[in-house]
């Protein structure tokens, strides 16, 4: 689940946490032990106009030590949305 809050008309903040199922147990040369992971993220974004939106998000992926090793994975994600 994710909560997206729009304190104004042109920007938003978001927060999310929950279970995730990955397509594979390795990513970017890192072995994550299991495809089942927990993901949490925080981010925000802004609307340029009616069709263009940009966002930035920090995400942490971990299996919560249900299986070792549990190296975790930290990601910075940039997004662009075009509404048509």
PDB file of N, CA and C in Angstrom:
ATOM      1  N   UNK A   1       0.824  -1.201   0.000  1.00  0.00           N
ATOM      2  CA  UNK A   1       0.000   0.000   0.000  1.00  0.00           C
ATOM      3  C   UNK A   1       0.864   1.260   0.000  1.00  0.00           C
ATOM      4  N   UNK A   2       0.328   2.305  -0.606  1.00  0.00           N
ATOM      5  CA  UNK A   2       1.039   3.569  -0.695  1.00  0.00           C
ATOM      6  C   UNK A   2       0.076   4.707  -0.380  1.00  0.00           C
ATOM      7  N   UNK A   3       0.560   5.655   0.375  1.00  0.00           N
ATOM      8  CA  UNK A   3      -0.200   6.854   0.682  1.00  0.00           C
ATOM      9  C   UNK A   3       0.403   8.006  -0.104  1.00  0.00           C
ATOM     10  N   UNK A   4      -0.388   8.667  -0.909  1.00  0.00           N
ATOM     11  CA  UNK A   4       0.071   9.846  -1.652  1.00  0.00           C
ATOM     12  C   UNK A   4      -0.746  11.038  -1.175  1.00  0.00           C
ATOM     13  N   UNK A   5      -0.051  12.050  -0.679  1.00  0.00           N
ATOM     14  CA  UNK A   5      -0.683  13.244  -0.122  1.00  0.00           C
ATOM     15  C   UNK A   5      -0.381  14.435  -1.019  1.00  0.00           C
ATOM     16  N   UNK A   6      -1.414  15.155  -1.394  1.00  0.00           N
ATOM     17  CA  UNK A   6      -1.299  16.340  -2.238  1.00  0.00           C
ATOM     18  C   UNK A   6      -1.559  17.585  -1.382  1.00  0.00           C
ATOM     19  N   UNK A   7      -0.528  18.149  -0.728  1.00  0.00           N
ATOM     20  CA  UNK A   7      -0.753  19.348   0.087  1.00  0.00           C
ATOM     21  C   UNK A   7      -1.025  20.589  -0.765  1.00  0.00           C
ATOM     22  N   UNK A   8      -0.717  20.539  -2.031  1.00  0.00           N
ATOM     23  CA  UNK A   8      -0.987  21.634  -2.955  1.00  0.00           C
ATOM     24  C   UNK A   8      -1.410  21.045  -4.286  1.00  0.00           C
ATOM     25  N   UNK A   9      -1.700  21.883  -5.240  1.00  0.00           N
ATOM     26  CA  UNK A   9      -2.136  21.406  -6.550  1.00  0.00           C
ATOM     27  C   UNK A   9      -0.996  20.967  -7.450  1.00  0.00           C
ATOM     28  N   UNK A  10       0.238  21.366  -7.113  1.00  0.00           N
ATOM     29  CA  UNK A  10       1.344  21.104  -8.024  1.00  0.00           C
ATOM     30  C   UNK A  10       2.400  20.129  -7.498  1.00  0.00           C
ATOM     31  N   UNK A  11       2.268  19.639  -6.276  1.00  0.00           N
ATOM     32  CA  UNK A  11       3.263  18.694  -5.763  1.00  0.00           C
ATOM     33  C   UNK A  11       2.607  17.689  -4.823  1.00  0.00           C
ATOM     34  N   UNK A  12       3.292  16.554  -4.626  1.00  0.00           N
ATOM     35  CA  UNK A  12       2.780  15.498  -3.760  1.00  0.00           C
ATOM     36  C   UNK A  12       3.935  14.863  -2.985  1.00  0.00           C
ATOM     37  N   UNK A  13       3.595  14.230  -1.881  1.00  0.00           N
ATOM     38  CA  UNK A  13       4.517  13.439  -1.074  1.00  0.00           C
ATOM     39  C   UNK A  13       3.925  12.042  -0.972  1.00  0.00           C
ATOM     40  N   UNK A  14       4.781  11.008  -0.919  1.00  0.00           N
ATOM     41  CA  UNK A  14       4.260   9.653  -0.836  1.00  0.00           C
ATOM     42  C   UNK A  14       5.091   8.809   0.115  1.00  0.00           C
ATOM     43  N   UNK A  15       4.417   7.822   0.695  1.00  0.00           N
ATOM     44  CA  UNK A  15       5.025   6.911   1.657  1.00  0.00           C
ATOM     45  C   UNK A  15       4.378   5.548   1.456  1.00  0.00           C
ATOM     46  N   UNK A  16       5.186   4.490   1.439  1.00  0.00           N
ATOM     47  CA  UNK A  16       4.620   3.162   1.235  1.00  0.00           C
ATOM     48  C   UNK A  16       5.453   2.085   1.894  1.00  0.00           C
ATOM     49  N   UNK A  17       4.803   0.987   2.242  1.00  0.00           N
ATOM     50  CA  UNK A  17       5.480  -0.158   2.838  1.00  0.00           C
ATOM     51  C   UNK A  17       4.622  -1.392   2.597  1.00  0.00           C
ATOM     52  N   UNK A  18       5.292  -2.535   2.367  1.00  0.00           N
ATOM     53  CA  UNK A  18       4.518  -3.747   2.194  1.00  0.00           C
ATOM     54  C   UNK A  18       5.321  -4.862   1.565  1.00  0.00           C
ATOM     55  N   UNK A  19       4.730  -6.034   1.455  1.00  0.00           N
ATOM     56  CA  UNK A  19       5.413  -7.177   0.853  1.00  0.00           C
ATOM     57  C   UNK A  19       5.523  -7.022  -0.661  1.00  0.00           C
ATOM     58  N   UNK A  20       6.564  -7.626  -1.213  1.00  0.00           N
ATOM     59  CA  UNK A  20       6.797  -7.586  -2.660  1.00  0.00           C
ATOM     60  C   UNK A  20       7.266  -8.956  -3.121  1.00  0.00           C
ATOM     61  N   UNK A  21       6.934  -9.305  -4.337  1.00  0.00           N
ATOM     62  CA  UNK A  21       7.408 -10.529  -4.943  1.00  0.00           C
ATOM     63  C   UNK A  21       8.198 -10.132  -6.191  1.00  0.00           C
ATOM     64  N   UNK A  22       9.499 -10.383  -6.171  1.00  0.00           N
ATOM     65  CA  UNK A  22      10.376 -10.015  -7.270  1.00  0.00           C
ATOM     66  C   UNK A  22      10.401 -11.106  -8.327  1.00  0.00           C
ATOM     67  N   UNK A  23      10.763 -10.759  -9.543  1.00  0.00           N
ATOM     68  CA  UNK A  23      10.821 -11.737 -10.629  1.00  0.00           C
ATOM     69  C   UNK A  23      12.032 -12.656 -10.510  1.00  0.00           C
ATOM     70  N   UNK A  24      13.052 -12.228  -9.769  1.00  0.00           N
ATOM     71  CA  UNK A  24      14.230 -13.065  -9.524  1.00  0.00           C
ATOM     72  C   UNK A  24      14.857 -12.677  -8.190  1.00  0.00           C
ATOM     73  N   UNK A  25      15.730 -13.535  -7.660  1.00  0.00           N
ATOM     74  CA  UNK A  25      16.317 -13.302  -6.336  1.00  0.00           C
ATOM     75  C   UNK A  25      17.660 -12.591  -6.406  1.00  0.00           C
ATOM     76  N   UNK A  26      18.108 -12.203  -7.585  1.00  0.00           N
ATOM     77  CA  UNK A  26      19.342 -11.432  -7.699  1.00  0.00           C
ATOM     78  C   UNK A  26      19.060 -10.160  -8.481  1.00  0.00           C
ATOM     79  N   UNK A  27      19.742  -9.098  -8.094  1.00  0.00           N
ATOM     80  CA  UNK A  27      19.520  -7.810  -8.734  1.00  0.00           C
ATOM     81  C   UNK A  27      20.815  -7.020  -8.677  1.00  0.00           C
ATOM     82  N   UNK A  28      21.246  -6.509  -9.816  1.00  0.00           N
ATOM     83  CA  UNK A  28      22.452  -5.680  -9.903  1.00  0.00           C
ATOM     84  C   UNK A  28      23.669  -6.380  -9.299  1.00  0.00           C
ATOM     85  N   UNK A  29      23.786  -7.697  -9.526  1.00  0.00           N
ATOM     86  CA  UNK A  29      24.909  -8.458  -9.016  1.00  0.00           C
ATOM     87  C   UNK A  29      24.829  -8.805  -7.540  1.00  0.00           C
ATOM     88  N   UNK A  30      23.710  -8.520  -6.908  1.00  0.00           N
ATOM     89  CA  UNK A  30      23.532  -8.791  -5.480  1.00  0.00           C
ATOM     90  C   UNK A  30      22.512  -9.900  -5.291  1.00  0.00           C
ATOM     91  N   UNK A  31      22.873 -10.928  -4.511  1.00  0.00           N
ATOM     92  CA  UNK A  31      21.977 -12.042  -4.217  1.00  0.00           C
ATOM     93  C   UNK A  31      21.095 -11.675  -3.019  1.00  0.00           C
ATOM     94  N   UNK A  32      19.776 -11.652  -3.239  1.00  0.00           N
ATOM     95  CA  UNK A  32      18.835 -11.241  -2.191  1.00  0.00           C
ATOM     96  C   UNK A  32      18.247 -12.421  -1.419  1.00  0.00           C
ATOM     97  N   UNK A  33      18.656 -13.644  -1.704  1.00  0.00           N
ATOM     98  CA  UNK A  33      18.275 -14.882  -1.007  1.00  0.00           C
ATOM     99  C   UNK A  33      16.893 -15.400  -1.355  1.00  0.00           C
ATOM    100  N   UNK A  34      15.940 -14.532  -1.549  1.00  0.00           N
ATOM    101  CA  UNK A  34      14.574 -14.969  -1.826  1.00  0.00           C
ATOM    102  C   UNK A  34      13.865 -13.926  -2.683  1.00  0.00           C
ATOM    103  N   UNK A  35      12.887 -14.378  -3.463  1.00  0.00           N
ATOM    104  CA  UNK A  35      12.111 -13.441  -4.277  1.00  0.00           C
ATOM    105  C   UNK A  35      11.113 -12.660  -3.426  1.00  0.00           C
ATOM    106  N   UNK A  36      10.723 -13.226  -2.292  1.00  0.00           N
ATOM    107  CA  UNK A  36       9.793 -12.534  -1.393  1.00  0.00           C
ATOM    108  C   UNK A  36      10.570 -11.507  -0.568  1.00  0.00           C
ATOM    109  N   UNK A  37      10.182 -10.256  -0.653  1.00  0.00           N
ATOM    110  CA  UNK A  37      10.876  -9.160   0.018  1.00  0.00           C
ATOM    111  C   UNK A  37       9.842  -8.216   0.632  1.00  0.00           C
ATOM    112  N   UNK A  38      10.320  -7.343   1.489  1.00  0.00           N
ATOM    113  CA  UNK A  38       9.510  -6.241   2.002  1.00  0.00           C
ATOM    114  C   UNK A  38      10.099  -4.959   1.440  1.00  0.00           C
ATOM    115  N   UNK A  39       9.248  -4.076   0.978  1.00  0.00           N
ATOM    116  CA  UNK A  39       9.686  -2.847   0.347  1.00  0.00           C
ATOM    117  C   UNK A  39       9.090  -1.653   1.081  1.00  0.00           C
ATOM    118  N   UNK A  40       9.913  -0.656   1.323  1.00  0.00           N
ATOM    119  CA  UNK A  40       9.421   0.600   1.885  1.00  0.00           C
ATOM    120  C   UNK A  40       9.987   1.736   1.054  1.00  0.00           C
ATOM    121  N   UNK A  41       9.213   2.780   0.898  1.00  0.00           N
ATOM    122  CA  UNK A  41       9.706   3.916   0.125  1.00  0.00           C
ATOM    123  C   UNK A  41       9.113   5.224   0.613  1.00  0.00           C
ATOM    124  N   UNK A  42       9.837   6.289   0.279  1.00  0.00           N
ATOM    125  CA  UNK A  42       9.401   7.651   0.554  1.00  0.00           C
ATOM    126  C   UNK A  42       9.802   8.496  -0.646  1.00  0.00           C
ATOM    127  N   UNK A  43       8.949   9.415  -1.021  1.00  0.00           N
ATOM    128  CA  UNK A  43       9.273  10.214  -2.196  1.00  0.00           C
ATOM    129  C   UNK A  43       8.334  11.391  -2.364  1.00  0.00           C
ATOM    130  N   UNK A  44       8.459  11.986  -3.499  1.00  0.00           N
ATOM    131  CA  UNK A  44       7.625  13.125  -3.820  1.00  0.00           C
ATOM    132  C   UNK A  44       7.743  13.451  -5.294  1.00  0.00           C
ATOM    133  N   UNK A  45       6.948  14.409  -5.707  1.00  0.00           N
ATOM    134  CA  UNK A  45       6.972  14.807  -7.108  1.00  0.00           C
ATOM    135  C   UNK A  45       6.205  16.090  -7.324  1.00  0.00           C
ATOM    136  N   UNK A  46       6.242  16.542  -8.562  1.00  0.00           N
ATOM    137  CA  UNK A  46       5.535  17.772  -8.891  1.00  0.00           C
ATOM    138  C   UNK A  46       4.949  17.686 -10.291  1.00  0.00           C
ATOM    139  N   UNK A  47       3.908  18.454 -10.489  1.00  0.00           N
ATOM    140  CA  UNK A  47       3.201  18.518 -11.763  1.00  0.00           C
ATOM    141  C   UNK A  47       3.675  19.769 -12.498  1.00  0.00           C
ATOM    142  N   UNK A  48       4.138  19.582 -13.721  1.00  0.00           N
ATOM    143  CA  UNK A  48       4.573  20.712 -14.536  1.00  0.00           C
ATOM    144  C   UNK A  48       3.356  21.375 -15.180  1.00  0.00           C
ATOM    145  N   UNK A  49       2.482  20.557 -15.761  1.00  0.00           N
ATOM    146  CA  UNK A  49       1.216  21.027 -16.340  1.00  0.00           C
ATOM    147  C   UNK A  49       0.263  19.835 -16.389  1.00  0.00           C
ATOM    148  N   UNK A  50      -0.796  19.913 -17.140  1.00  0.00           N
ATOM    149  CA  UNK A  50      -1.812  18.855 -17.128  1.00  0.00           C
ATOM    150  C   UNK A  50      -1.307  17.504 -17.626  1.00  0.00           C
ATOM    151  N   UNK A  51      -0.238  17.474 -18.397  1.00  0.00           N
ATOM    152  CA  UNK A  51       0.220  16.205 -18.964  1.00  0.00           C
ATOM    153  C   UNK A  51       1.580  15.734 -18.465  1.00  0.00           C
ATOM    154  N   UNK A  52       2.388  16.574 -17.832  1.00  0.00           N
ATOM    155  CA  UNK A  52       3.743  16.203 -17.417  1.00  0.00           C
ATOM    156  C   UNK A  52       3.887  16.209 -15.895  1.00  0.00           C
ATOM    157  N   UNK A  53       4.439  15.100 -15.367  1.00  0.00           N
ATOM    158  CA  UNK A  53       4.683  14.975 -13.928  1.00  0.00           C
ATOM    159  C   UNK A  53       6.051  14.310 -13.718  1.00  0.00           C
ATOM    160  N   UNK A  54       6.826  14.814 -12.745  1.00  0.00           N
ATOM    161  CA  UNK A  54       8.130  14.255 -12.394  1.00  0.00           C
ATOM    162  C   UNK A  54       8.123  13.833 -10.926  1.00  0.00           C
ATOM    163  N   UNK A  55       8.858  12.750 -10.610  1.00  0.00           N
ATOM    164  CA  UNK A  55       8.917  12.281  -9.232  1.00  0.00           C
ATOM    165  C   UNK A  55      10.298  11.740  -8.883  1.00  0.00           C
ATOM    166  N   UNK A  56      10.570  11.670  -7.590  1.00  0.00           N
ATOM    167  CA  UNK A  56      11.810  11.114  -7.070  1.00  0.00           C
ATOM    168  C   UNK A  56      11.467  10.304  -5.830  1.00  0.00           C
ATOM    169  N   UNK A  57      12.052   9.106  -5.710  1.00  0.00           N
ATOM    170  CA  UNK A  57      11.687   8.203  -4.617  1.00  0.00           C
ATOM    171  C   UNK A  57      12.922   7.448  -4.123  1.00  0.00           C
ATOM    172  N   UNK A  58      13.008   7.269  -2.807  1.00  0.00           N
ATOM    173  CA  UNK A  58      14.010   6.399  -2.190  1.00  0.00           C
ATOM    174  C   UNK A  58      13.287   5.109  -1.771  1.00  0.00           C
ATOM    175  N   UNK A  59      13.832   3.960  -2.165  1.00  0.00           N
ATOM    176  CA  UNK A  59      13.222   2.669  -1.857  1.00  0.00           C
ATOM    177  C   UNK A  59      14.234   1.759  -1.176  1.00  0.00           C
ATOM    178  N   UNK A  60      13.791   1.061  -0.139  1.00  0.00           N
ATOM    179  CA  UNK A  60      14.614   0.047   0.525  1.00  0.00           C
ATOM    180  C   UNK A  60      13.908  -1.299   0.391  1.00  0.00           C
ATOM    181  N   UNK A  61      14.666  -2.300  -0.064  1.00  0.00           N
ATOM    182  CA  UNK A  61      14.151  -3.658  -0.257  1.00  0.00           C
ATOM    183  C   UNK A  61      14.937  -4.591   0.660  1.00  0.00           C
ATOM    184  N   UNK A  62      14.230  -5.415   1.445  1.00  0.00           N
ATOM    185  CA  UNK A  62      14.875  -6.332   2.381  1.00  0.00           C
ATOM    186  C   UNK A  62      13.949  -7.509   2.637  1.00  0.00           C
ATOM    187  N   UNK A  63      14.527  -8.672   2.992  1.00  0.00           N
ATOM    188  CA  UNK A  63      13.671  -9.818   3.306  1.00  0.00           C
ATOM    189  C   UNK A  63      13.384  -9.925   4.805  1.00  0.00           C
ATOM    190  N   UNK A  64      13.716  -8.894   5.570  1.00  0.00           N
ATOM    191  CA  UNK A  64      13.438  -8.825   7.014  1.00  0.00           C
ATOM    192  C   UNK A  64      14.070  -9.994   7.768  1.00  0.00           C
ATOM    193  N   UNK A  65      15.201 -10.480   7.247  1.00  0.00           N
ATOM    194  CA  UNK A  65      15.962 -11.577   7.866  1.00  0.00           C
ATOM    195  C   UNK A  65      15.193 -12.900   7.947  1.00  0.00           C
ATOM    196  N   UNK A  66      14.244 -13.131   7.030  1.00  0.00           N
ATOM    197  CA  UNK A  66      13.561 -14.425   7.015  1.00  0.00           C
ATOM    198  C   UNK A  66      14.439 -15.502   6.391  1.00  0.00           C
ATOM    199  N   UNK A  67      15.490 -15.074   5.654  1.00  0.00           N
ATOM    200  CA  UNK A  67      16.460 -15.992   5.078  1.00  0.00           C
ATOM    201  C   UNK A  67      17.787 -15.253   4.949  1.00  0.00           C
ATOM    202  N   UNK A  68      18.895 -15.956   5.189  1.00  0.00           N
ATOM    203  CA  UNK A  68      20.204 -15.320   5.072  1.00  0.00           C
ATOM    204  C   UNK A  68      20.875 -15.743   3.772  1.00  0.00           C
ATOM    205  N   UNK A  69      21.710 -14.916   3.208  1.00  0.00           N
ATOM    206  CA  UNK A  69      22.033 -13.570   3.681  1.00  0.00           C
ATOM    207  C   UNK A  69      20.906 -12.590   3.362  1.00  0.00           C
ATOM    208  N   UNK A  70      20.923 -11.478   4.036  1.00  0.00           N
ATOM    209  CA  UNK A  70      19.931 -10.429   3.839  1.00  0.00           C
ATOM    210  C   UNK A  70      20.664  -9.102   3.591  1.00  0.00           C
ATOM    211  N   UNK A  71      21.242  -8.931   2.391  1.00  0.00           N
ATOM    212  CA  UNK A  71      22.026  -7.736   2.148  1.00  0.00           C
ATOM    213  C   UNK A  71      21.190  -6.470   1.998  1.00  0.00           C
ATOM    214  N   UNK A  72      19.937  -6.612   1.633  1.00  0.00           N
ATOM    215  CA  UNK A  72      19.099  -5.442   1.396  1.00  0.00           C
ATOM    216  C   UNK A  72      19.515  -4.736   0.121  1.00  0.00           C
ATOM    217  N   UNK A  73      18.691  -3.836  -0.310  1.00  0.00           N
ATOM    218  CA  UNK A  73      18.947  -3.099  -1.538  1.00  0.00           C
ATOM    219  C   UNK A  73      18.344  -1.719  -1.385  1.00  0.00           C
ATOM    220  N   UNK A  74      19.126  -0.689  -1.640  1.00  0.00           N
ATOM    221  CA  UNK A  74      18.649   0.692  -1.593  1.00  0.00           C
ATOM    222  C   UNK A  74      18.643   1.254  -3.002  1.00  0.00           C
ATOM    223  N   UNK A  75      17.544   1.882  -3.380  1.00  0.00           N
ATOM    224  CA  UNK A  75      17.380   2.420  -4.727  1.00  0.00           C
ATOM    225  C   UNK A  75      16.937   3.873  -4.687  1.00  0.00           C
ATOM    226  N   UNK A  76      17.415   4.641  -5.638  1.00  0.00           N
ATOM    227  CA  UNK A  76      16.892   5.980  -5.893  1.00  0.00           C
ATOM    228  C   UNK A  76      16.207   5.903  -7.250  1.00  0.00           C
ATOM    229  N   UNK A  77      14.933   6.257  -7.288  1.00  0.00           N
ATOM    230  CA  UNK A  77      14.156   6.127  -8.504  1.00  0.00           C
ATOM    231  C   UNK A  77      13.663   7.484  -8.973  1.00  0.00           C
ATOM    232  N   UNK A  78      13.830   7.746 -10.233  1.00  0.00           N
ATOM    233  CA  UNK A  78      13.291   8.953 -10.862  1.00  0.00           C
ATOM    234  C   UNK A  78      12.174   8.528 -11.794  1.00  0.00           C
ATOM    235  N   UNK A  79      11.108   9.308 -11.861  1.00  0.00           N
ATOM    236  CA  UNK A  79       9.992   8.948 -12.736  1.00  0.00           C
ATOM    237  C   UNK A  79       9.499  10.154 -13.526  1.00  0.00           C
ATOM    238  N   UNK A  80       8.961   9.852 -14.661  1.00  0.00           N
ATOM    239  CA  UNK A  80       8.306  10.839 -15.511  1.00  0.00           C
ATOM    240  C   UNK A  80       6.984  10.231 -15.946  1.00  0.00           C
ATOM    241  N   UNK A  81       5.904  10.987 -15.810  1.00  0.00           N
ATOM    242  CA  UNK A  81       4.589  10.527 -16.217  1.00  0.00           C
ATOM    243  C   UNK A  81       4.022  11.477 -17.258  1.00  0.00           C
ATOM    244  N   UNK A  82       3.492  10.915 -18.321  1.00  0.00           N
ATOM    245  CA  UNK A  82       2.826  11.694 -19.368  1.00  0.00           C
ATOM    246  C   UNK A  82       1.372  11.243 -19.401  1.00  0.00           C
ATOM    247  N   UNK A  83       0.458  12.131 -19.113  1.00  0.00           N
ATOM    248  CA  UNK A  83      -0.982  11.814 -19.150  1.00  0.00           C
ATOM    249  C   UNK A  83      -1.529  12.194 -20.521  1.00  0.00           C
ATOM    250  N   UNK A  84      -2.186  11.228 -21.160  1.00  0.00           N
ATOM    251  CA  UNK A  84      -2.777  11.526 -22.474  1.00  0.00           C
ATOM    252  C   UNK A  84      -4.225  11.133 -22.493  1.00  0.00           C
TER     253      UNK A  84
END
